[in-house]
Amino acid sequence: MWGRIRGKFRALGWADASWFIVDSLLLRASSGSVRLIKYYFMAQPVAPRSKSPVRPPGKTQLYVVESADDTIRQANRPSATIEQRFDQRARCVVAKREGQLAGFIWLCPNRYVEDQVRCVYRWSPAQAAAWDFDVFVAPPFRMGRLFSQLWEHAHALLDAEGIRWTLSRIDAFNEGSLAAHRRLGATALATALFLRIGRFQLALSSSAPHWHLSGRDDERPEFCFDLSKLCAVEAASENGGTPTSVKQ
């Protein structure tokens, strides 16, 4: 336990590691009914290596689904969650090998209802980005290139549609995910902290609304991310200008 805590301090820094300890203590003391969850909201540039979708070597297949098929049903996700995602017009980039699920990335246009905490994400301009979430690679494939192949396939798909960015929320306590998104050139947009006590949720965020208290699923805070500065930075860079930092 102490070794894990020391590792968290090294990987996350004092602030996020301290929040991780608070969450662990609350989770244990409440038998799972109280959680403290922190997210970073990030934007990654769509930068495909190829204009055409990736065709991985060997027997691995990559394809896109817009409704549940036999492969995606193998995911360790509730059936209701999968259907709720497709109801939002989300698409899933799926990797399979010999009929077995190897990995996936989900992409959602314009508006995404979070299924881990109680909130909704929007962004403007809507056509500039898609929401990416729930990136998964099965354990037997984690030492290979499947993770990067999934991203390359998704980026080629989005680039063909004129989408310049993917947006995502990253668990602040997941150092592996944070490192992976930094390697993709991610830009931080905002942070949020969620305290869940039974059915009640308190949300605190660096982006409006800065706080929100709810007790029902139909009382969701809506976070809207303004991408106009991000798009201006990209345009300036493409035109030979000097990029500037992005702040919400």
C-alpha atoms as a PDB file:
ATOM      1  CA  MET A   1       0.000   0.000   0.000  1.00  0.00           C
ATOM      2  CA  TRP A   2       2.722   2.470   0.990  1.00  0.00           C
ATOM      3  CA  GLY A   3       4.697   1.555  -2.084  1.00  0.00           C
ATOM      4  CA  ARG A   4       1.674   2.344  -4.241  1.00  0.00           C
ATOM      5  CA  ILE A   5       1.207   5.696  -2.488  1.00  0.00           C
ATOM      6  CA  ARG A   6       4.867   6.630  -2.984  1.00  0.00           C
ATOM      7  CA  GLY A   7       4.514   5.711  -6.639  1.00  0.00           C
ATOM      8  CA  LYS A   8       1.470   7.969  -6.966  1.00  0.00           C
ATOM      9  CA  PHE A   9       3.364  10.923  -5.463  1.00  0.00           C
ATOM     10  CA  ARG A  10       6.224  10.398  -7.916  1.00  0.00           C
ATOM     11  CA  ALA A  11       3.921  10.060 -10.927  1.00  0.00           C
ATOM     12  CA  LEU A  12       1.183  12.586 -10.103  1.00  0.00           C
ATOM     13  CA  GLY A  13       2.781  15.190  -7.864  1.00  0.00           C
ATOM     14  CA  TRP A  14       1.700  16.221  -4.389  1.00  0.00           C
ATOM     15  CA  ALA A  15      -1.673  17.784  -5.241  1.00  0.00           C
ATOM     16  CA  ASP A  16      -3.226  14.953  -7.268  1.00  0.00           C
ATOM     17  CA  ALA A  17      -1.620  12.244  -5.149  1.00  0.00           C
ATOM     18  CA  SER A  18      -3.181  13.833  -2.054  1.00  0.00           C
ATOM     19  CA  TRP A  19      -6.618  13.813  -3.713  1.00  0.00           C
ATOM     20  CA  PHE A  20      -6.009  10.147  -4.601  1.00  0.00           C
ATOM     21  CA  ILE A  21      -5.365   9.328  -0.935  1.00  0.00           C
ATOM     22  CA  VAL A  22      -8.532  11.172   0.122  1.00  0.00           C
ATOM     23  CA  ASP A  23     -10.562   9.219  -2.446  1.00  0.00           C
ATOM     24  CA  SER A  24      -9.051   5.908  -1.289  1.00  0.00           C
ATOM     25  CA  LEU A  25      -9.860   6.656   2.357  1.00  0.00           C
ATOM     26  CA  LEU A  26     -13.428   7.760   1.568  1.00  0.00           C
ATOM     27  CA  LEU A  27     -13.998   4.703  -0.606  1.00  0.00           C
ATOM     28  CA  ARG A  28     -12.789   2.325   2.103  1.00  0.00           C
ATOM     29  CA  ALA A  29     -14.567   4.064   5.005  1.00  0.00           C
ATOM     30  CA  SER A  30     -17.910   4.246   3.161  1.00  0.00           C
ATOM     31  CA  SER A  31     -17.793   0.757   1.568  1.00  0.00           C
ATOM     32  CA  GLY A  32     -17.924   2.392  -1.850  1.00  0.00           C
ATOM     33  CA  SER A  33     -20.799   4.865  -1.311  1.00  0.00           C
ATOM     34  CA  VAL A  34     -18.559   7.963  -1.221  1.00  0.00           C
ATOM     35  CA  ARG A  35     -16.125   8.867  -4.017  1.00  0.00           C
ATOM     36  CA  LEU A  36     -13.867  11.778  -4.849  1.00  0.00           C
ATOM     37  CA  ILE A  37     -13.163  11.956  -8.593  1.00  0.00           C
ATOM     38  CA  LYS A  38     -10.920  14.455 -10.350  1.00  0.00           C
ATOM     39  CA  TYR A  39     -10.786  14.964 -14.114  1.00  0.00           C
ATOM     40  CA  TYR A  40      -8.570  16.887 -16.492  1.00  0.00           C
ATOM     41  CA  PHE A  41     -10.314  17.993 -19.690  1.00  0.00           C
ATOM     42  CA  MET A  42      -7.896  17.802 -22.614  1.00  0.00           C
ATOM     43  CA  ALA A  43      -7.774  18.563 -26.331  1.00  0.00           C
ATOM     44  CA  GLN A  44      -5.559  16.561 -28.689  1.00  0.00           C
ATOM     45  CA  PRO A  45      -4.845  17.617 -32.299  1.00  0.00           C
ATOM     46  CA  VAL A  46      -6.080  15.283 -35.022  1.00  0.00           C
ATOM     47  CA  ALA A  47      -2.830  14.386 -36.756  1.00  0.00           C
ATOM     48  CA  PRO A  48      -3.172  11.276 -38.940  1.00  0.00           C
ATOM     49  CA  ARG A  49      -0.032   9.679 -40.325  1.00  0.00           C
ATOM     50  CA  SER A  50      -2.032   8.558 -43.339  1.00  0.00           C
ATOM     51  CA  LYS A  51      -5.165   9.807 -45.087  1.00  0.00           C
ATOM     52  CA  SER A  52      -6.545   6.269 -45.232  1.00  0.00           C
ATOM     53  CA  PRO A  53      -7.582   4.098 -42.249  1.00  0.00           C
ATOM     54  CA  VAL A  54      -4.888   1.911 -40.749  1.00  0.00           C
ATOM     55  CA  ARG A  55      -4.709  -1.717 -41.861  1.00  0.00           C
ATOM     56  CA  PRO A  56      -2.759  -3.545 -39.142  1.00  0.00           C
ATOM     57  CA  PRO A  57      -0.656  -6.535 -40.161  1.00  0.00           C
ATOM     58  CA  GLY A  58      -1.618 -10.089 -39.377  1.00  0.00           C
ATOM     59  CA  LYS A  59      -5.065 -11.204 -38.290  1.00  0.00           C
ATOM     60  CA  THR A  60      -6.050  -8.060 -36.364  1.00  0.00           C
ATOM     61  CA  GLN A  61      -8.951  -6.127 -37.894  1.00  0.00           C
ATOM     62  CA  LEU A  62      -9.879  -2.486 -37.288  1.00  0.00           C
ATOM     63  CA  TYR A  63     -13.345  -1.196 -38.179  1.00  0.00           C
ATOM     64  CA  VAL A  64     -16.026   1.273 -37.054  1.00  0.00           C
ATOM     65  CA  VAL A  65     -19.437   0.359 -35.616  1.00  0.00           C
ATOM     66  CA  GLU A  66     -22.426   2.630 -34.960  1.00  0.00           C
ATOM     67  CA  SER A  67     -24.518  -0.052 -33.232  1.00  0.00           C
ATOM     68  CA  ALA A  68     -23.623  -3.002 -31.021  1.00  0.00           C
ATOM     69  CA  ASP A  69     -22.196  -6.074 -32.750  1.00  0.00           C
ATOM     70  CA  ASP A  70     -20.991  -9.419 -31.372  1.00  0.00           C
ATOM     71  CA  THR A  71     -17.463  -8.095 -30.819  1.00  0.00           C
ATOM     72  CA  ILE A  72     -18.310  -4.938 -28.875  1.00  0.00           C
ATOM     73  CA  ARG A  73     -20.708  -6.961 -26.723  1.00  0.00           C
ATOM     74  CA  GLN A  74     -17.628  -8.771 -25.397  1.00  0.00           C
ATOM     75  CA  ALA A  75     -16.557  -5.546 -23.674  1.00  0.00           C
ATOM     76  CA  ASN A  76     -16.735  -5.482 -19.900  1.00  0.00           C
ATOM     77  CA  ARG A  77     -19.330  -2.708 -20.024  1.00  0.00           C
ATOM     78  CA  PRO A  78     -23.040  -2.866 -19.090  1.00  0.00           C
ATOM     79  CA  SER A  79     -25.311  -3.390 -22.102  1.00  0.00           C
ATOM     80  CA  ALA A  80     -27.323  -0.311 -21.073  1.00  0.00           C
ATOM     81  CA  THR A  81     -24.153   1.816 -21.117  1.00  0.00           C
ATOM     82  CA  ILE A  82     -23.222   0.632 -24.606  1.00  0.00           C
ATOM     83  CA  GLU A  83     -26.735   1.348 -25.918  1.00  0.00           C
ATOM     84  CA  GLN A  84     -26.764   4.762 -24.236  1.00  0.00           C
ATOM     85  CA  ARG A  85     -23.545   5.625 -26.059  1.00  0.00           C
ATOM     86  CA  PHE A  86     -24.921   4.631 -29.450  1.00  0.00           C
ATOM     87  CA  ASP A  87     -28.108   6.601 -28.684  1.00  0.00           C
ATOM     88  CA  GLN A  88     -25.858   9.693 -28.504  1.00  0.00           C
ATOM     89  CA  ARG A  89     -24.609   8.967 -32.058  1.00  0.00           C
ATOM     90  CA  ALA A  90     -21.281   7.756 -30.707  1.00  0.00           C
ATOM     91  CA  ARG A  91     -19.143   5.520 -32.916  1.00  0.00           C
ATOM     92  CA  CYS A  92     -16.688   2.888 -31.781  1.00  0.00           C
ATOM     93  CA  VAL A  93     -13.398   2.080 -33.498  1.00  0.00           C
ATOM     94  CA  VAL A  94     -13.058  -1.632 -32.749  1.00  0.00           C
ATOM     95  CA  ALA A  95     -10.043  -3.926 -32.989  1.00  0.00           C
ATOM     96  CA  LYS A  96     -10.584  -7.674 -33.065  1.00  0.00           C
ATOM     97  CA  ARG A  97      -8.391 -10.693 -33.628  1.00  0.00           C
ATOM     98  CA  GLU A  98      -9.824 -14.083 -34.549  1.00  0.00           C
ATOM     99  CA  GLY A  99     -13.272 -13.027 -33.367  1.00  0.00           C
ATOM    100  CA  GLN A 100     -12.031 -11.760 -29.981  1.00  0.00           C
ATOM    101  CA  LEU A 101     -12.210  -8.137 -28.832  1.00  0.00           C
ATOM    102  CA  ALA A 102      -8.701  -6.649 -28.776  1.00  0.00           C
ATOM    103  CA  GLY A 103      -9.446  -2.970 -28.110  1.00  0.00           C
ATOM    104  CA  PHE A 104     -11.588   0.043 -28.882  1.00  0.00           C
ATOM    105  CA  ILE A 105     -11.929   3.854 -28.863  1.00  0.00           C
ATOM    106  CA  TRP A 106     -15.279   5.647 -28.655  1.00  0.00           C
ATOM    107  CA  LEU A 107     -15.976   8.922 -30.515  1.00  0.00           C
ATOM    108  CA  CYS A 108     -18.998  11.188 -30.007  1.00  0.00           C
ATOM    109  CA  PRO A 109     -20.035  14.318 -31.965  1.00  0.00           C
ATOM    110  CA  ASN A 110     -21.025  17.699 -30.471  1.00  0.00           C
ATOM    111  CA  ARG A 111     -22.495  16.566 -27.133  1.00  0.00           C
ATOM    112  CA  TYR A 112     -21.636  13.761 -24.743  1.00  0.00           C
ATOM    113  CA  VAL A 113     -23.505  12.667 -21.612  1.00  0.00           C
ATOM    114  CA  GLU A 114     -20.892  11.316 -19.196  1.00  0.00           C
ATOM    115  CA  ASP A 115     -21.531   7.807 -17.857  1.00  0.00           C
ATOM    116  CA  GLN A 116     -19.051   7.852 -14.966  1.00  0.00           C
ATOM    117  CA  VAL A 117     -20.295  10.981 -13.169  1.00  0.00           C
ATOM    118  CA  ARG A 118     -23.393  13.167 -13.607  1.00  0.00           C
ATOM    119  CA  CYS A 119     -22.588  15.836 -16.231  1.00  0.00           C
ATOM    120  CA  VAL A 120     -22.809  16.774 -19.919  1.00  0.00           C
ATOM    121  CA  TYR A 121     -20.036  18.034 -22.219  1.00  0.00           C
ATOM    122  CA  ARG A 122     -20.483  20.428 -25.170  1.00  0.00           C
ATOM    123  CA  TRP A 123     -17.982  22.386 -27.253  1.00  0.00           C
ATOM    124  CA  SER A 124     -17.985  25.261 -29.690  1.00  0.00           C
ATOM    125  CA  PRO A 125     -17.502  25.371 -32.623  1.00  0.00           C
ATOM    126  CA  ALA A 126     -19.133  21.947 -32.685  1.00  0.00           C
ATOM    127  CA  GLN A 127     -17.681  20.923 -36.055  1.00  0.00           C
ATOM    128  CA  ALA A 128     -14.110  21.450 -34.876  1.00  0.00           C
ATOM    129  CA  ALA A 129     -13.917  18.469 -32.522  1.00  0.00           C
ATOM    130  CA  ALA A 130     -15.237  15.094 -31.415  1.00  0.00           C
ATOM    131  CA  TRP A 131     -15.284  13.663 -27.905  1.00  0.00           C
ATOM    132  CA  ASP A 132     -13.074  10.594 -27.438  1.00  0.00           C
ATOM    133  CA  PHE A 133     -13.565   8.343 -24.440  1.00  0.00           C
ATOM    134  CA  ASP A 134     -13.150   4.857 -22.982  1.00  0.00           C
ATOM    135  CA  VAL A 135      -9.932   3.865 -24.755  1.00  0.00           C
ATOM    136  CA  PHE A 136      -9.244   0.189 -24.066  1.00  0.00           C
ATOM    137  CA  VAL A 137      -6.655  -2.383 -25.137  1.00  0.00           C
ATOM    138  CA  ALA A 138      -6.999  -5.991 -23.934  1.00  0.00           C
ATOM    139  CA  PRO A 139      -4.062  -7.216 -21.785  1.00  0.00           C
ATOM    140  CA  PRO A 140      -2.557  -9.597 -24.404  1.00  0.00           C
ATOM    141  CA  PHE A 141      -2.138  -6.646 -26.819  1.00  0.00           C
ATOM    142  CA  ARG A 142      -0.765  -3.984 -24.483  1.00  0.00           C
ATOM    143  CA  MET A 143       2.884  -4.622 -25.330  1.00  0.00           C
ATOM    144  CA  GLY A 144       2.326  -4.156 -29.064  1.00  0.00           C
ATOM    145  CA  ARG A 145       1.301  -1.290 -31.333  1.00  0.00           C
ATOM    146  CA  LEU A 146      -2.464  -1.737 -31.070  1.00  0.00           C
ATOM    147  CA  PHE A 147      -2.949   1.402 -28.955  1.00  0.00           C
ATOM    148  CA  SER A 148      -1.245   3.611 -31.544  1.00  0.00           C
ATOM    149  CA  GLN A 149      -2.996   1.794 -34.403  1.00  0.00           C
ATOM    150  CA  LEU A 150      -6.397   2.511 -32.856  1.00  0.00           C
ATOM    151  CA  TRP A 151      -5.526   6.199 -32.569  1.00  0.00           C
ATOM    152  CA  GLU A 152      -4.167   6.337 -36.115  1.00  0.00           C
ATOM    153  CA  HIS A 153      -7.349   4.724 -37.457  1.00  0.00           C
ATOM    154  CA  ALA A 154      -9.547   7.149 -35.484  1.00  0.00           C
ATOM    155  CA  HIS A 155      -7.509  10.171 -36.588  1.00  0.00           C
ATOM    156  CA  ALA A 156      -7.679   9.191 -40.270  1.00  0.00           C
ATOM    157  CA  LEU A 157     -11.454   8.847 -39.917  1.00  0.00           C
ATOM    158  CA  LEU A 158     -11.862  12.245 -38.213  1.00  0.00           C
ATOM    159  CA  ASP A 159      -9.442  14.032 -40.529  1.00  0.00           C
ATOM    160  CA  ALA A 160     -11.484  12.907 -43.548  1.00  0.00           C
ATOM    161  CA  GLU A 161     -14.508  14.580 -41.911  1.00  0.00           C
ATOM    162  CA  GLY A 162     -12.674  17.873 -41.293  1.00  0.00           C
ATOM    163  CA  ILE A 163     -12.466  17.410 -37.516  1.00  0.00           C
ATOM    164  CA  ARG A 164      -9.332  19.023 -36.108  1.00  0.00           C
ATOM    165  CA  TRP A 165      -9.381  18.023 -32.412  1.00  0.00           C
ATOM    166  CA  THR A 166     -10.483  15.283 -30.076  1.00  0.00           C
ATOM    167  CA  LEU A 167     -11.580  16.201 -26.558  1.00  0.00           C
ATOM    168  CA  SER A 168     -11.443  13.923 -23.559  1.00  0.00           C
ATOM    169  CA  ARG A 169     -11.694  13.768 -19.812  1.00  0.00           C
ATOM    170  CA  ILE A 170      -8.746  12.108 -18.126  1.00  0.00           C
ATOM    171  CA  ASP A 171      -8.810  10.581 -14.661  1.00  0.00           C
ATOM    172  CA  ALA A 172      -6.313  12.693 -12.705  1.00  0.00           C
ATOM    173  CA  PHE A 173      -5.261   9.591 -10.753  1.00  0.00           C
ATOM    174  CA  ASN A 174      -4.442   7.519 -13.867  1.00  0.00           C
ATOM    175  CA  GLU A 175      -0.809   8.340 -14.600  1.00  0.00           C
ATOM    176  CA  GLY A 176      -0.700   6.006 -17.619  1.00  0.00           C
ATOM    177  CA  SER A 177      -3.581   7.768 -19.371  1.00  0.00           C
ATOM    178  CA  LEU A 178      -2.161  11.205 -18.550  1.00  0.00           C
ATOM    179  CA  ALA A 179       1.212  10.256 -20.019  1.00  0.00           C
ATOM    180  CA  ALA A 180      -0.374   8.773 -23.156  1.00  0.00           C
ATOM    181  CA  HIS A 181      -2.376  11.933 -23.846  1.00  0.00           C
ATOM    182  CA  ARG A 182       0.660  14.157 -23.288  1.00  0.00           C
ATOM    183  CA  ARG A 183       2.485  12.120 -25.932  1.00  0.00           C
ATOM    184  CA  LEU A 184      -0.397  12.919 -28.291  1.00  0.00           C
ATOM    185  CA  GLY A 185       0.265  16.638 -27.790  1.00  0.00           C
ATOM    186  CA  ALA A 186      -2.708  17.244 -25.471  1.00  0.00           C
ATOM    187  CA  THR A 187      -3.612  20.749 -24.260  1.00  0.00           C
ATOM    188  CA  ALA A 188      -5.315  21.158 -20.873  1.00  0.00           C
ATOM    189  CA  LEU A 189      -8.667  22.990 -21.070  1.00  0.00           C
ATOM    190  CA  ALA A 190     -10.044  22.724 -17.519  1.00  0.00           C
ATOM    191  CA  THR A 191     -10.243  20.589 -14.381  1.00  0.00           C
ATOM    192  CA  ALA A 192     -13.184  19.342 -12.317  1.00  0.00           C
ATOM    193  CA  LEU A 193     -13.631  17.659  -8.955  1.00  0.00           C
ATOM    194  CA  PHE A 194     -16.692  15.504  -8.189  1.00  0.00           C
ATOM    195  CA  LEU A 195     -17.718  14.423  -4.702  1.00  0.00           C
ATOM    196  CA  ARG A 196     -20.280  11.597  -4.846  1.00  0.00           C
ATOM    197  CA  ILE A 197     -22.175  10.781  -1.634  1.00  0.00           C
ATOM    198  CA  GLY A 198     -24.831   8.207  -2.416  1.00  0.00           C
ATOM    199  CA  ARG A 199     -27.150   9.822  -4.968  1.00  0.00           C
ATOM    200  CA  PHE A 200     -25.871  13.335  -4.237  1.00  0.00           C
ATOM    201  CA  GLN A 201     -23.091  14.915  -6.269  1.00  0.00           C
ATOM    202  CA  LEU A 202     -21.130  18.122  -5.758  1.00  0.00           C
ATOM    203  CA  ALA A 203     -19.173  19.282  -8.831  1.00  0.00           C
ATOM    204  CA  LEU A 204     -16.431  21.933  -8.627  1.00  0.00           C
ATOM    205  CA  SER A 205     -14.774  23.062 -11.856  1.00  0.00           C
ATOM    206  CA  SER A 206     -12.334  25.624 -13.210  1.00  0.00           C
ATOM    207  CA  SER A 207     -14.803  26.044 -16.107  1.00  0.00           C
ATOM    208  CA  ALA A 208     -18.376  27.332 -15.853  1.00  0.00           C
ATOM    209  CA  PRO A 209     -20.499  26.260 -14.085  1.00  0.00           C
ATOM    210  CA  HIS A 210     -17.900  26.488 -11.353  1.00  0.00           C
ATOM    211  CA  TRP A 211     -20.035  24.554  -8.875  1.00  0.00           C
ATOM    212  CA  HIS A 212     -23.172  22.436  -9.064  1.00  0.00           C
ATOM    213  CA  LEU A 213     -25.107  20.315  -6.551  1.00  0.00           C
ATOM    214  CA  SER A 214     -27.477  17.600  -7.764  1.00  0.00           C
ATOM    215  CA  GLY A 215     -29.425  14.649  -6.450  1.00  0.00           C
ATOM    216  CA  ARG A 216     -31.067  13.271  -9.615  1.00  0.00           C
ATOM    217  CA  ASP A 217     -29.869  12.107 -13.016  1.00  0.00           C
ATOM    218  CA  ASP A 218     -31.907  14.813 -14.771  1.00  0.00           C
ATOM    219  CA  GLU A 219     -29.971  17.496 -12.847  1.00  0.00           C
ATOM    220  CA  ARG A 220     -26.704  17.441 -14.769  1.00  0.00           C
ATOM    221  CA  PRO A 221     -24.204  20.313 -14.936  1.00  0.00           C
ATOM    222  CA  GLU A 222     -23.290  21.153 -18.532  1.00  0.00           C
ATOM    223  CA  PHE A 223     -19.701  22.070 -19.312  1.00  0.00           C
ATOM    224  CA  CYS A 224     -19.191  23.925 -22.603  1.00  0.00           C
ATOM    225  CA  PHE A 225     -15.618  24.217 -23.877  1.00  0.00           C
ATOM    226  CA  ASP A 226     -14.809  27.200 -26.085  1.00  0.00           C
ATOM    227  CA  LEU A 227     -12.394  25.997 -28.763  1.00  0.00           C
ATOM    228  CA  SER A 228     -12.146  29.302 -30.628  1.00  0.00           C
ATOM    229  CA  LYS A 229      -8.755  30.179 -29.090  1.00  0.00           C
ATOM    230  CA  LEU A 230      -7.476  26.686 -29.786  1.00  0.00           C
ATOM    231  CA  CYS A 231      -8.572  26.966 -33.428  1.00  0.00           C
ATOM    232  CA  ALA A 232      -6.969  30.427 -33.672  1.00  0.00           C
ATOM    233  CA  VAL A 233      -3.671  29.072 -32.342  1.00  0.00           C
ATOM    234  CA  GLU A 234      -3.776  26.275 -34.923  1.00  0.00           C
ATOM    235  CA  ALA A 235      -4.585  28.726 -37.738  1.00  0.00           C
ATOM    236  CA  ALA A 236      -1.752  31.035 -36.686  1.00  0.00           C
ATOM    237  CA  SER A 237       0.676  28.131 -36.597  1.00  0.00           C
ATOM    238  CA  GLU A 238      -0.379  26.921 -40.056  1.00  0.00           C
ATOM    239  CA  ASN A 239      -0.024  30.469 -41.422  1.00  0.00           C
ATOM    240  CA  GLY A 240       3.444  30.931 -39.971  1.00  0.00           C
ATOM    241  CA  GLY A 241       2.352  33.002 -36.967  1.00  0.00           C
ATOM    242  CA  THR A 242       3.440  32.646 -33.389  1.00  0.00           C
ATOM    243  CA  PRO A 243       1.262  30.223 -31.383  1.00  0.00           C
ATOM    244  CA  THR A 244       0.017  31.376 -27.997  1.00  0.00           C
ATOM    245  CA  SER A 245      -1.159  29.450 -24.967  1.00  0.00           C
ATOM    246  CA  VAL A 246      -4.790  28.453 -24.631  1.00  0.00           C
ATOM    247  CA  LYS A 247      -6.822  29.402 -21.556  1.00  0.00           C
ATOM    248  CA  GLN A 248     -10.490  28.797 -20.848  1.00  0.00           C
END
